[in-house]
Amino acid sequence: MPPPNCVIELEIFQHQLDEAELDEMWSFVRIKSNQRWLWHAIDHNTGEVLAYIFGKRQDDVFQQLRDILKPFGIKHYYTDNWGAYDRHFDECEHHVGKRNTQKIERKHLTLRTRIK
């Protein structure tokens, strides 16, 4: 532990990236009507987790995740066909389909399997 009057300097590096995969995963606590959603974003090339947020499956929760991702300068988002993505992404930055969301779908499958 540093002394109380010691000044610690930190450098934080945030890398820029071109592509990210986004998805949401559903679960529940005790009863199915008590739903919980994990919104998740990963680097499309490395699979590294960029950000996540828990909440309802609503646009305002997605917007919170998008705000967290803004500093990364992401140019292309790969998602499924859920409506919030279409409503809030520009057509040129949003790409729908399973071909480019395989990493994040695999992460969700692994998570579901391990928490059973």
Protein backbone atom coordinates (compact mmCIF):
# COMPACT_ATOMS: atom_id res chain seq x y z
CA MET A 1 0.00 0.00 0.00
CA PRO A 2 1.48 3.41 -0.92
CA PRO A 3 1.80 6.08 1.75
CA PRO A 4 -1.31 8.30 2.13
CA ASN A 5 0.33 11.39 0.56
CA CYS A 6 1.79 9.49 -2.39
CA VAL A 7 0.66 10.46 -5.90
CA ILE A 8 0.12 7.56 -8.30
CA GLU A 9 0.03 8.25 -12.02
CA LEU A 10 -1.82 5.91 -14.32
CA GLU A 11 -1.87 5.78 -18.09
CA ILE A 12 -4.95 4.27 -19.64
CA PHE A 13 -4.81 3.18 -23.25
CA GLN A 14 -7.99 2.71 -25.22
CA HIS A 15 -7.42 1.17 -28.59
CA GLN A 16 -9.52 1.96 -31.62
CA LEU A 17 -11.07 -0.88 -33.56
CA ASP A 18 -13.08 -1.27 -36.70
CA GLU A 19 -15.47 -4.14 -35.99
CA ALA A 20 -17.50 -5.43 -33.06
CA GLU A 21 -20.14 -8.11 -32.50
CA LEU A 22 -23.15 -7.33 -30.30
CA ASP A 23 -25.77 -9.65 -28.90
CA GLU A 24 -28.12 -10.04 -26.00
CA MET A 25 -28.64 -13.17 -23.90
CA TRP A 26 -31.73 -14.03 -21.89
CA SER A 27 -31.94 -15.77 -18.53
CA PHE A 28 -34.16 -15.63 -15.48
CA VAL A 29 -33.91 -15.64 -11.69
CA ARG A 30 -36.08 -18.27 -9.94
CA ILE A 31 -39.13 -17.80 -12.20
CA LYS A 32 -39.29 -17.15 -15.93
CA SER A 33 -41.21 -13.92 -15.49
CA ASN A 34 -38.17 -12.51 -13.60
CA GLN A 35 -36.11 -12.01 -16.77
CA ARG A 36 -32.55 -10.75 -16.96
CA TRP A 37 -30.73 -9.75 -20.14
CA LEU A 38 -26.99 -9.62 -20.68
CA TRP A 39 -26.07 -7.18 -23.46
CA HIS A 40 -22.58 -7.98 -24.65
CA ALA A 41 -20.04 -6.58 -27.14
CA ILE A 42 -16.81 -8.21 -28.31
CA ASP A 43 -14.00 -7.31 -30.69
CA HIS A 44 -14.84 -9.08 -33.95
CA ASN A 45 -11.21 -9.99 -34.66
CA THR A 46 -9.94 -11.08 -31.25
CA GLY A 47 -13.10 -12.07 -29.35
CA GLU A 48 -12.02 -9.80 -26.48
CA VAL A 49 -14.90 -8.50 -24.35
CA LEU A 50 -15.31 -4.77 -24.90
CA ALA A 51 -18.33 -4.05 -22.73
CA TYR A 52 -21.43 -5.56 -21.20
CA ILE A 53 -24.49 -4.38 -19.35
CA PHE A 54 -27.38 -6.08 -17.57
CA GLY A 55 -30.93 -4.86 -17.95
CA LYS A 56 -34.19 -5.34 -19.77
CA ARG A 57 -34.49 -5.96 -23.48
CA GLN A 58 -35.30 -2.35 -24.19
CA ASP A 59 -33.82 0.38 -26.34
CA ASP A 60 -32.63 2.48 -23.40
CA VAL A 61 -30.45 -0.39 -22.10
CA PHE A 62 -28.99 -0.86 -25.58
CA GLN A 63 -28.28 2.88 -25.71
CA GLN A 64 -26.30 2.59 -22.47
CA LEU A 65 -24.15 -0.14 -24.02
CA ARG A 66 -23.67 1.94 -27.14
CA ASP A 67 -22.55 4.91 -25.03
CA ILE A 68 -19.94 2.71 -23.34
CA LEU A 69 -18.66 1.62 -26.78
CA LYS A 70 -18.38 5.15 -28.29
CA PRO A 71 -14.75 5.76 -27.23
CA PHE A 72 -13.63 2.70 -29.24
CA GLY A 73 -14.54 4.40 -32.53
CA ILE A 74 -16.14 1.25 -33.94
CA LYS A 75 -17.05 1.53 -37.62
CA HIS A 76 -18.90 -1.78 -38.20
CA TYR A 77 -21.31 -3.53 -35.86
CA TYR A 78 -22.38 -7.14 -36.48
CA THR A 79 -25.67 -8.12 -34.84
CA ASP A 80 -28.72 -10.31 -35.12
CA ASN A 81 -31.95 -8.86 -36.45
CA TRP A 82 -33.36 -7.42 -33.22
CA GLY A 83 -35.15 -4.10 -33.77
CA ALA A 84 -33.12 -1.87 -31.42
CA TYR A 85 -30.06 -2.31 -33.61
CA ASP A 86 -31.94 -1.18 -36.72
CA ARG A 87 -33.46 1.77 -34.89
CA HIS A 88 -30.18 3.12 -33.50
CA PHE A 89 -27.42 2.22 -35.96
CA ASP A 90 -26.87 3.88 -39.32
CA GLU A 91 -27.31 1.54 -42.26
CA CYS A 92 -23.66 1.87 -43.31
CA GLU A 93 -22.31 0.76 -39.89
CA HIS A 94 -24.81 -2.03 -39.12
CA HIS A 95 -24.48 -5.52 -40.59
CA VAL A 96 -27.14 -8.17 -39.80
CA GLY A 97 -26.54 -11.88 -40.05
CA LYS A 98 -25.17 -15.03 -38.44
CA ARG A 99 -21.99 -15.12 -40.51
CA ASN A 100 -20.27 -12.36 -38.52
CA THR A 101 -21.74 -13.08 -35.07
CA GLN A 102 -20.36 -16.59 -34.62
CA LYS A 103 -17.83 -15.65 -31.92
CA ILE A 104 -20.34 -13.92 -29.67
CA GLU A 105 -22.96 -16.64 -30.17
CA ARG A 106 -20.32 -19.22 -29.20
CA LYS A 107 -19.43 -17.23 -26.07
CA HIS A 108 -23.10 -17.19 -25.06
CA LEU A 109 -23.45 -20.94 -25.64
CA THR A 110 -20.37 -21.60 -23.51
CA LEU A 111 -21.68 -19.32 -20.75
CA ARG A 112 -25.11 -21.01 -20.75
CA THR A 113 -23.49 -24.45 -20.56
CA ARG A 114 -21.17 -23.56 -17.70
CA ILE A 115 -23.76 -21.91 -15.46
CA LYS A 116 -26.22 -24.81 -15.55
